[in-house]
């Protein structure tokens, strides 16, 4: 599968979501900044890890649904 154009930001958000889930279990994705801090800063979300994850999942449902409709309309 090749990811191009408008799909790249969506793929990045999905990666951050999975990284945040790992961080909630005590794992680190990298030595640098945590996915939690990246998501909070870039998306302006507030709260603890669980609340930020819930908000991110809601955002992905909205964005993912819009991307699927756009993809369907272009086909």
C-alpha atoms as a PDB file:
ATOM      1  CA  UNK A   1       0.000   0.000   0.000  1.00  0.00           C
ATOM      2  CA  UNK A   2       1.359   3.399  -0.940  1.00  0.00           C
ATOM      3  CA  UNK A   3       0.479   6.426   1.161  1.00  0.00           C
ATOM      4  CA  UNK A   4       0.546   9.743  -0.678  1.00  0.00           C
ATOM      5  CA  UNK A   5      -0.841  13.256  -0.525  1.00  0.00           C
ATOM      6  CA  UNK A   6      -3.736  13.755   1.866  1.00  0.00           C
ATOM      7  CA  UNK A   7      -3.261  10.319   3.431  1.00  0.00           C
ATOM      8  CA  UNK A   8       0.074  11.156   5.098  1.00  0.00           C
ATOM      9  CA  UNK A   9      -1.308  13.348   7.945  1.00  0.00           C
ATOM     10  CA  UNK A  10      -4.011  10.747   8.639  1.00  0.00           C
ATOM     11  CA  UNK A  11      -1.412   7.950   8.753  1.00  0.00           C
ATOM     12  CA  UNK A  12       0.680  10.040  11.164  1.00  0.00           C
ATOM     13  CA  UNK A  13      -2.295  10.529  13.495  1.00  0.00           C
ATOM     14  CA  UNK A  14      -2.989   6.794  13.445  1.00  0.00           C
ATOM     15  CA  UNK A  15       0.664   6.117  14.302  1.00  0.00           C
ATOM     16  CA  UNK A  16       0.500   8.599  17.180  1.00  0.00           C
ATOM     17  CA  UNK A  17      -2.671   6.906  18.453  1.00  0.00           C
ATOM     18  CA  UNK A  18      -0.973   3.501  18.533  1.00  0.00           C
ATOM     19  CA  UNK A  19       2.106   5.009  20.174  1.00  0.00           C
ATOM     20  CA  UNK A  20      -0.080   6.597  22.842  1.00  0.00           C
ATOM     21  CA  UNK A  21      -1.713   3.219  23.525  1.00  0.00           C
ATOM     22  CA  UNK A  22       1.736   1.698  24.047  1.00  0.00           C
ATOM     23  CA  UNK A  23       2.719   4.533  26.374  1.00  0.00           C
ATOM     24  CA  UNK A  24      -0.366   3.847  28.485  1.00  0.00           C
ATOM     25  CA  UNK A  25       0.973   0.317  29.049  1.00  0.00           C
ATOM     26  CA  UNK A  26       4.353   1.658  30.153  1.00  0.00           C
ATOM     27  CA  UNK A  27       6.319   1.344  26.917  1.00  0.00           C
ATOM     28  CA  UNK A  28       8.279   4.094  25.194  1.00  0.00           C
ATOM     29  CA  UNK A  29       8.085   4.491  21.411  1.00  0.00           C
ATOM     30  CA  UNK A  30      11.300   6.514  21.131  1.00  0.00           C
ATOM     31  CA  UNK A  31      13.926   8.255  23.208  1.00  0.00           C
ATOM     32  CA  UNK A  32      12.627  11.645  22.169  1.00  0.00           C
ATOM     33  CA  UNK A  33       9.293  13.212  22.989  1.00  0.00           C
ATOM     34  CA  UNK A  34       6.356  11.054  23.933  1.00  0.00           C
ATOM     35  CA  UNK A  35       3.380  10.592  21.632  1.00  0.00           C
ATOM     36  CA  UNK A  36       1.305  12.044  24.466  1.00  0.00           C
ATOM     37  CA  UNK A  37       3.226  15.335  24.429  1.00  0.00           C
ATOM     38  CA  UNK A  38       3.190  15.531  20.617  1.00  0.00           C
ATOM     39  CA  UNK A  39      -0.569  14.990  20.416  1.00  0.00           C
ATOM     40  CA  UNK A  40      -1.270  17.492  23.198  1.00  0.00           C
ATOM     41  CA  UNK A  41       0.889  20.196  21.621  1.00  0.00           C
ATOM     42  CA  UNK A  42      -0.056  19.751  17.960  1.00  0.00           C
ATOM     43  CA  UNK A  43      -3.782  19.147  18.414  1.00  0.00           C
ATOM     44  CA  UNK A  44      -4.318  21.282  21.510  1.00  0.00           C
ATOM     45  CA  UNK A  45      -5.891  18.445  23.491  1.00  0.00           C
ATOM     46  CA  UNK A  46      -6.019  18.530  27.280  1.00  0.00           C
ATOM     47  CA  UNK A  47      -6.285  15.947  30.008  1.00  0.00           C
ATOM     48  CA  UNK A  48      -4.586  12.760  31.115  1.00  0.00           C
ATOM     49  CA  UNK A  49      -3.398  10.074  28.697  1.00  0.00           C
ATOM     50  CA  UNK A  50      -6.753   8.269  28.605  1.00  0.00           C
ATOM     51  CA  UNK A  51      -8.738  11.442  27.947  1.00  0.00           C
ATOM     52  CA  UNK A  52      -6.310  12.544  25.224  1.00  0.00           C
ATOM     53  CA  UNK A  53      -6.534   9.082  23.621  1.00  0.00           C
ATOM     54  CA  UNK A  54     -10.345   9.214  23.685  1.00  0.00           C
ATOM     55  CA  UNK A  55     -10.348  12.666  22.065  1.00  0.00           C
ATOM     56  CA  UNK A  56      -7.821  11.548  19.434  1.00  0.00           C
ATOM     57  CA  UNK A  57      -9.915   8.477  18.571  1.00  0.00           C
ATOM     58  CA  UNK A  58     -12.995  10.690  18.141  1.00  0.00           C
ATOM     59  CA  UNK A  59     -11.032  12.990  15.826  1.00  0.00           C
ATOM     60  CA  UNK A  60      -9.802  10.030  13.780  1.00  0.00           C
ATOM     61  CA  UNK A  61     -13.355   8.714  13.360  1.00  0.00           C
ATOM     62  CA  UNK A  62     -14.456  12.077  11.987  1.00  0.00           C
ATOM     63  CA  UNK A  63     -11.401  12.567   9.747  1.00  0.00           C
ATOM     64  CA  UNK A  64     -11.354   8.925   8.637  1.00  0.00           C
ATOM     65  CA  UNK A  65     -15.023   9.021   7.690  1.00  0.00           C
ATOM     66  CA  UNK A  66     -14.536  12.196   5.682  1.00  0.00           C
ATOM     67  CA  UNK A  67     -11.518  10.696   3.903  1.00  0.00           C
ATOM     68  CA  UNK A  68     -13.476   7.547   3.045  1.00  0.00           C
ATOM     69  CA  UNK A  69     -16.336   9.611   1.598  1.00  0.00           C
ATOM     70  CA  UNK A  70     -13.892  11.708  -0.443  1.00  0.00           C
ATOM     71  CA  UNK A  71     -12.191   8.539  -1.720  1.00  0.00           C
ATOM     72  CA  UNK A  72     -15.549   7.004  -2.653  1.00  0.00           C
ATOM     73  CA  UNK A  73     -16.667  10.155  -4.481  1.00  0.00           C
ATOM     74  CA  UNK A  74     -13.455  10.316  -6.515  1.00  0.00           C
ATOM     75  CA  UNK A  75     -13.765   6.692  -7.683  1.00  0.00           C
END
